[in-house]
């Protein structure tokens, strides 16, 4: 079967590797569509350590060829893949924190991932997509699960003011999920006018550029207090500092972006004085997958505007590098067989 193998940073090639053999409690999935995200680009560039040589990728959907999913999905069904592998027996798994499994791994980082024709998975790691979701958009549901997981962890209340700093794919999804969960006031912040306008169409109550304009708007909306919750969806230390600045005393930060830096400057005294809480979120739980599928099926989350580029699998190297280039109007890059 064909698979995209990362031999070393910045060097990915399509190779022929053996097709896996399906065993008991496993499913063999024929991949149809894959998504590329920022984590993939950082693994590709070497910023995030990974076990190479490696088949990259963790966002994908496909058709079950052999086996049956724990959720009842059968051969012929389209399924979304949960890329978080877990043992089910360790301390964290016993507390249902399977995404934190001490023996776990992530497809496409620790073990071979989904950028291949076929993927062999535990039967508990696939979830039915049903019949009403466009398969071209469906890989994005994996990203949606991580957004939903973060907001559930943060316990955001409907009467709170939530600010999203950064309006890329995850930032725009944060806005849609917040509105689906009933959050009354959501502010989208970006330097990019195209993405600010897109945020408005996705449910943002207010939009702003970064800096003083955003801070002034947030203070106006909150009688001078500051935001209740800020989601930092860029992954830059400087934007995390902005989050601290616009939060109210006793507010909460969700640092959703992934930080590759080892050092950075933050207003630590302000962080102390405001008694802020940091609520981190990693990956998602199995229960987040059917919930996220439901959000898309119901129309509460619209994935269609996110898909700006569709590329054949053979062009994977160019597609990854496309995502690494600056482009104000590029959002999600999808690969398809």
Protein backbone atom coordinates (compact mmCIF):
# COMPACT_ATOMS: atom_id res chain seq x y z
CA UNK A 1 0.00 0.00 0.00
CA UNK A 2 1.04 3.63 -0.48
CA UNK A 3 2.13 5.61 2.58
CA UNK A 4 3.76 9.02 3.11
CA UNK A 5 6.96 8.34 5.06
CA UNK A 6 8.85 11.13 6.85
CA UNK A 7 12.47 9.94 6.79
CA UNK A 8 13.92 13.07 8.34
CA UNK A 9 12.71 16.65 8.89
CA UNK A 10 11.50 18.28 5.64
CA UNK A 11 11.82 15.01 3.69
CA UNK A 12 8.58 13.09 3.11
CA UNK A 13 8.22 10.53 0.33
CA UNK A 14 5.45 8.19 -0.80
CA UNK A 15 6.58 4.60 -0.39
CA UNK A 16 5.10 1.13 -0.74
CA UNK A 17 4.79 -0.64 2.62
CA UNK A 18 2.97 -3.86 3.60
CA UNK A 19 -0.78 -3.66 4.11
CA UNK A 20 -1.59 -4.47 7.76
CA UNK A 21 -3.47 -7.64 8.71
CA UNK A 22 -6.65 -7.23 10.77
CA UNK A 23 -6.92 -9.24 13.99
CA UNK A 24 -9.53 -9.62 16.73
CA UNK A 25 -10.72 -6.34 18.30
CA UNK A 26 -9.26 -4.37 15.42
CA UNK A 27 -10.60 -2.63 12.32
CA UNK A 28 -8.90 -2.08 8.99
CA UNK A 29 -9.86 1.27 7.49
CA UNK A 30 -9.34 2.31 3.89
CA UNK A 31 -8.52 6.01 4.07
CA UNK A 32 -10.42 8.35 1.78
CA UNK A 33 -9.72 11.87 3.11
CA UNK A 34 -7.07 13.35 5.41
CA UNK A 35 -6.50 16.74 7.02
CA UNK A 36 -3.18 18.51 7.54
CA UNK A 37 -2.78 20.66 10.64
CA UNK A 38 -0.17 22.79 12.40
CA UNK A 39 1.05 19.83 14.44
CA UNK A 40 1.84 17.99 11.21
CA UNK A 41 3.87 20.93 9.91
CA UNK A 42 5.84 21.12 13.17
CA UNK A 43 6.58 17.37 13.05
CA UNK A 44 7.52 17.77 9.37
CA UNK A 45 9.92 20.62 10.17
CA UNK A 46 11.38 18.92 13.25
CA UNK A 47 10.03 21.43 15.78
CA UNK A 48 8.02 18.66 17.47
CA UNK A 49 10.09 15.52 18.20
CA UNK A 50 8.82 12.35 16.50
CA UNK A 51 9.97 8.80 15.91
CA UNK A 52 11.34 8.76 12.35
CA UNK A 53 11.00 7.17 9.87
CA UNK A 54 7.31 7.79 10.37
CA UNK A 55 4.04 7.72 8.46
CA UNK A 56 2.62 11.12 9.37
CA UNK A 57 -0.95 12.23 9.94
CA UNK A 58 -3.65 11.98 12.61
CA UNK A 59 -6.76 13.53 10.99
CA UNK A 60 -8.59 11.14 8.68
CA UNK A 61 -11.77 9.39 7.72
CA UNK A 62 -12.26 6.22 5.75
CA UNK A 63 -14.31 3.14 5.10
CA UNK A 64 -14.12 0.04 7.29
CA UNK A 65 -12.84 -2.89 5.22
CA UNK A 66 -12.53 -5.50 7.97
CA UNK A 67 -13.67 -5.75 11.59
CA UNK A 68 -16.39 -3.98 13.56
CA UNK A 69 -16.13 -0.82 15.63
CA UNK A 70 -17.06 -0.85 19.30
CA UNK A 71 -19.71 1.75 18.43
CA UNK A 72 -21.37 -0.76 16.06
CA UNK A 73 -19.88 0.50 12.80
CA UNK A 74 -19.39 -2.30 10.26
CA UNK A 75 -17.58 -2.90 6.95
CA UNK A 76 -18.71 -0.34 4.40
CA UNK A 77 -19.38 2.37 7.00
CA UNK A 78 -17.55 5.69 6.85
CA UNK A 79 -15.81 6.42 10.16
CA UNK A 80 -13.79 9.17 11.80
CA UNK A 81 -10.55 8.02 13.43
CA UNK A 82 -9.62 8.80 17.02
CA UNK A 83 -5.81 9.10 16.79
CA UNK A 84 -5.20 8.73 20.53
CA UNK A 85 -4.19 5.16 21.40
CA UNK A 86 -4.53 4.07 25.02
CA UNK A 87 -4.02 0.94 27.12
CA UNK A 88 -7.25 0.99 29.15
CA UNK A 89 -5.45 -0.29 32.27
CA UNK A 90 -3.14 2.39 33.69
CA UNK A 91 -3.82 4.96 36.44
CA UNK A 92 -5.13 7.57 33.98
CA UNK A 93 -7.25 5.16 31.98
CA UNK A 94 -8.84 3.95 35.23
CA UNK A 95 -9.99 7.56 35.76
CA UNK A 96 -11.36 7.72 32.19
CA UNK A 97 -8.56 10.11 31.19
CA UNK A 98 -7.65 7.85 28.30
CA UNK A 99 -6.12 10.77 26.37
CA UNK A 100 -3.49 11.02 29.13
CA UNK A 101 -2.65 7.30 29.12
CA UNK A 102 0.88 6.71 30.41
CA UNK A 103 1.31 3.94 27.86
CA UNK A 104 -0.50 5.78 25.09
CA UNK A 105 0.61 7.24 21.80
CA UNK A 106 -0.58 9.55 19.03
CA UNK A 107 -0.90 8.40 15.46
CA UNK A 108 1.47 10.27 13.19
CA UNK A 109 3.82 11.34 15.98
CA UNK A 110 4.70 8.34 18.16
CA UNK A 111 3.55 5.58 15.80
CA UNK A 112 2.69 5.41 12.11
CA UNK A 113 -0.30 7.58 11.28
CA UNK A 114 -3.05 7.99 8.72
CA UNK A 115 -1.26 9.34 5.63
CA UNK A 116 -1.57 5.94 3.95
CA UNK A 117 -4.05 3.87 1.95
CA UNK A 118 -4.99 1.64 4.90
CA UNK A 119 -4.75 2.03 8.68
CA UNK A 120 -5.14 -0.70 11.30
CA UNK A 121 -6.77 0.50 14.52
CA UNK A 122 -8.22 -0.76 17.80
CA UNK A 123 -11.97 -1.25 17.33
CA UNK A 124 -12.62 1.43 19.97
CA UNK A 125 -10.80 4.11 17.93
CA UNK A 126 -13.36 4.56 15.13
CA UNK A 127 -16.73 6.31 15.22
CA UNK A 128 -19.47 6.26 12.60
CA UNK A 129 -20.00 9.38 10.51
CA UNK A 130 -23.51 8.43 9.47
CA UNK A 131 -24.83 9.34 6.03
CA UNK A 132 -25.30 13.11 6.14
CA UNK A 133 -21.78 14.51 6.52
CA UNK A 134 -19.71 15.49 3.49
CA UNK A 135 -16.61 13.23 3.58
CA UNK A 136 -14.36 15.97 2.17
CA UNK A 137 -15.00 18.10 5.28
CA UNK A 138 -15.17 15.24 7.78
CA UNK A 139 -11.45 14.99 8.76
CA UNK A 140 -11.95 18.36 10.46
CA UNK A 141 -14.20 16.65 13.01
CA UNK A 142 -11.05 15.34 14.73
CA UNK A 143 -9.99 18.95 15.30
CA UNK A 144 -13.51 19.76 16.48
CA UNK A 145 -13.23 17.08 19.19
CA UNK A 146 -10.20 18.82 20.68
CA UNK A 147 -12.01 22.17 20.70
CA UNK A 148 -15.06 20.67 22.39
CA UNK A 149 -12.86 18.91 24.94
CA UNK A 150 -11.12 22.19 25.83
CA UNK A 151 -14.35 24.09 26.32
CA UNK A 152 -15.90 21.36 28.44
CA UNK A 153 -12.77 21.33 30.63
CA UNK A 154 -13.00 25.10 31.04
CA UNK A 155 -16.63 24.84 32.18
CA UNK A 156 -17.61 27.97 30.28
CA UNK A 157 -20.93 29.42 31.47
CA UNK A 158 -23.56 30.84 29.14
CA UNK A 159 -23.47 34.29 30.74
CA UNK A 160 -19.70 34.70 30.45
CA UNK A 161 -17.70 36.79 27.99
CA UNK A 162 -15.32 34.57 26.04
CA UNK A 163 -12.51 35.91 23.86
CA UNK A 164 -10.75 33.91 21.15
CA UNK A 165 -7.30 35.24 20.24
CA UNK A 166 -6.38 34.01 16.77
CA UNK A 167 -8.88 33.07 14.10
CA UNK A 168 -7.29 30.22 12.23
CA UNK A 169 -9.04 26.88 11.94
CA UNK A 170 -9.12 26.14 15.67
CA UNK A 171 -10.01 29.70 16.65
CA UNK A 172 -12.98 29.78 14.28
CA UNK A 173 -14.08 26.36 15.55
CA UNK A 174 -13.84 27.68 19.12
CA UNK A 175 -16.34 30.40 18.20
CA UNK A 176 -18.82 27.95 16.66
CA UNK A 177 -18.59 25.52 19.57
CA UNK A 178 -19.03 28.29 22.13
CA UNK A 179 -22.19 29.50 20.41
CA UNK A 180 -23.46 25.92 20.08
CA UNK A 181 -22.96 25.52 23.85
CA UNK A 182 -24.95 28.70 24.48
CA UNK A 183 -22.23 31.20 25.37
CA UNK A 184 -23.90 34.61 25.14
CA UNK A 185 -20.94 36.83 24.18
CA UNK A 186 -17.98 35.65 22.08
CA UNK A 187 -15.30 38.02 20.80
CA UNK A 188 -13.03 37.00 17.90
CA UNK A 189 -9.62 38.70 17.63
CA UNK A 190 -7.28 38.56 14.64
CA UNK A 191 -4.93 40.83 12.71
CA UNK A 192 -6.51 39.38 9.54
CA UNK A 193 -9.59 41.25 8.25
CA UNK A 194 -10.69 38.28 6.12
CA UNK A 195 -10.76 35.98 9.14
CA UNK A 196 -12.47 38.58 11.31
CA UNK A 197 -15.26 38.81 8.74
CA UNK A 198 -15.44 35.01 8.60
CA UNK A 199 -15.71 34.89 12.40
CA UNK A 200 -18.77 37.13 12.19
CA UNK A 201 -20.47 34.71 9.82
CA UNK A 202 -19.66 31.87 12.22
CA UNK A 203 -21.35 33.48 15.18
CA UNK A 204 -18.88 35.90 16.79
CA UNK A 205 -20.79 38.65 18.57
CA UNK A 206 -17.87 41.08 18.30
CA UNK A 207 -14.63 41.13 16.32
CA UNK A 208 -11.45 43.15 16.70
CA UNK A 209 -7.81 43.47 15.78
CA UNK A 210 -5.20 42.55 18.39
CA UNK A 211 -3.78 45.06 20.85
CA UNK A 212 -5.42 48.14 22.31
CA UNK A 213 -8.47 47.90 20.03
CA UNK A 214 -9.28 44.44 21.41
CA UNK A 215 -8.62 45.43 25.01
CA UNK A 216 -10.83 48.52 24.73
CA UNK A 217 -13.70 46.51 23.24
CA UNK A 218 -13.42 43.78 25.89
CA UNK A 219 -13.40 46.30 28.75
CA UNK A 220 -16.42 48.03 27.23
CA UNK A 221 -18.32 44.73 27.05
CA UNK A 222 -17.50 43.83 30.66
CA UNK A 223 -17.95 47.12 32.53
CA UNK A 224 -14.19 47.48 32.78
CA UNK A 225 -13.51 44.04 34.32
CA UNK A 226 -11.99 42.08 31.44
CA UNK A 227 -12.95 38.78 29.85
CA UNK A 228 -14.07 35.78 31.90
CA UNK A 229 -12.33 33.28 29.60
CA UNK A 230 -9.68 33.73 26.92
CA UNK A 231 -8.73 31.02 24.45
CA UNK A 232 -5.27 31.56 22.98
CA UNK A 233 -5.51 29.82 19.60
CA UNK A 234 -2.30 30.99 17.95
CA UNK A 235 0.51 29.27 19.84
CA UNK A 236 2.68 32.38 20.35
CA UNK A 237 3.99 33.43 23.75
CA UNK A 238 3.27 37.08 22.89
CA UNK A 239 -0.41 36.26 22.32
CA UNK A 240 -0.51 34.35 25.61
CA UNK A 241 0.73 37.57 27.24
CA UNK A 242 -2.14 39.41 25.56
CA UNK A 243 -4.56 36.87 27.02
CA UNK A 244 -3.29 37.61 30.52
CA UNK A 245 -3.70 41.34 29.87
CA UNK A 246 -7.36 41.21 28.74
CA UNK A 247 -8.62 38.77 31.40
CA UNK A 248 -10.53 39.90 34.47
CA UNK A 249 -9.35 39.15 37.99
CA UNK A 250 -10.11 35.47 38.62
CA UNK A 251 -10.37 34.74 34.88
CA UNK A 252 -9.40 31.60 33.00
CA UNK A 253 -6.96 31.00 30.16
CA UNK A 254 -7.13 28.09 27.74
CA UNK A 255 -3.71 28.00 26.01
CA UNK A 256 -4.99 26.03 23.03
CA UNK A 257 -2.13 26.80 20.65
CA UNK A 258 0.89 24.50 20.80
CA UNK A 259 4.09 26.26 21.90
CA UNK A 260 7.39 25.03 20.47
CA UNK A 261 9.45 27.59 22.45
CA UNK A 262 11.42 26.72 25.58
CA UNK A 263 11.68 30.35 26.73
CA UNK A 264 9.46 33.39 26.63
CA UNK A 265 8.47 36.61 28.41
CA UNK A 266 5.14 36.84 30.20
CA UNK A 267 3.65 39.36 32.66
CA UNK A 268 4.03 37.00 35.61
CA UNK A 269 3.14 39.57 38.26
CA UNK A 270 -0.14 40.30 36.47
CA UNK A 271 -0.76 36.55 36.28
CA UNK A 272 -0.25 36.32 40.07
CA UNK A 273 -2.17 39.48 40.94
CA UNK A 274 -5.22 38.53 38.91
CA UNK A 275 -5.27 35.02 40.39
CA UNK A 276 -5.72 33.56 36.93
CA UNK A 277 -6.34 29.90 36.20
CA UNK A 278 -4.71 28.08 33.31
CA UNK A 279 -6.82 25.24 31.94
CA UNK A 280 -4.82 23.19 29.51
CA UNK A 281 -6.36 20.67 27.16
CA UNK A 282 -4.64 17.85 25.30
CA UNK A 283 -6.29 15.93 22.47
CA UNK A 284 -9.81 14.64 23.26
CA UNK A 285 -11.76 11.85 24.92
CA UNK A 286 -13.59 9.09 23.02
CA UNK A 287 -16.93 10.58 24.10
CA UNK A 288 -16.06 13.82 22.28
CA UNK A 289 -16.26 12.08 18.88
CA UNK A 290 -19.98 11.21 18.72
CA UNK A 291 -20.78 14.57 20.32
CA UNK A 292 -18.77 16.39 17.65
CA UNK A 293 -20.36 14.36 14.86
CA UNK A 294 -23.72 15.40 16.32
CA UNK A 295 -22.76 19.10 16.28
CA UNK A 296 -21.99 18.85 12.56
CA UNK A 297 -25.04 16.73 11.72
CA UNK A 298 -27.34 19.20 13.49
CA UNK A 299 -25.85 22.17 11.65
CA UNK A 300 -24.64 23.83 14.85
CA UNK A 301 -21.09 23.64 13.49
CA UNK A 302 -20.54 24.37 9.80
CA UNK A 303 -17.30 22.92 8.40
CA UNK A 304 -17.76 23.94 4.77
CA UNK A 305 -16.08 27.40 4.96
CA UNK A 306 -12.90 25.87 6.37
CA UNK A 307 -11.93 23.80 3.33
CA UNK A 308 -9.87 26.12 1.12
CA UNK A 309 -7.50 23.61 -0.51
CA UNK A 310 -8.00 20.01 -1.69
CA UNK A 311 -4.97 18.10 -2.96
CA UNK A 312 -4.36 14.58 -4.22
CA UNK A 313 -2.47 12.33 -1.82
CA UNK A 314 0.49 12.20 -4.22
CA UNK A 315 1.08 15.93 -3.66
CA UNK A 316 1.47 15.60 0.11
CA UNK A 317 4.88 17.27 0.39
CA UNK A 318 3.67 20.34 -1.50
CA UNK A 319 0.44 20.38 0.54
CA UNK A 320 2.30 20.39 3.87
CA UNK A 321 4.60 23.17 2.69
CA UNK A 322 1.56 25.11 1.45
CA UNK A 323 0.25 25.11 5.01
CA UNK A 324 3.60 26.43 6.24
CA UNK A 325 3.51 29.44 3.89
CA UNK A 326 1.93 32.74 4.86
CA UNK A 327 -1.51 33.09 3.32
CA UNK A 328 -4.22 35.24 4.90
CA UNK A 329 -7.08 33.36 3.25
CA UNK A 330 -5.89 29.76 3.56
CA UNK A 331 -7.56 27.62 6.19
CA UNK A 332 -7.84 23.83 5.94
CA UNK A 333 -5.83 21.70 3.54
CA UNK A 334 -7.39 18.34 2.72
CA UNK A 335 -5.75 15.35 1.02
CA UNK A 336 -7.80 12.75 -0.81
CA UNK A 337 -7.19 9.41 -2.50
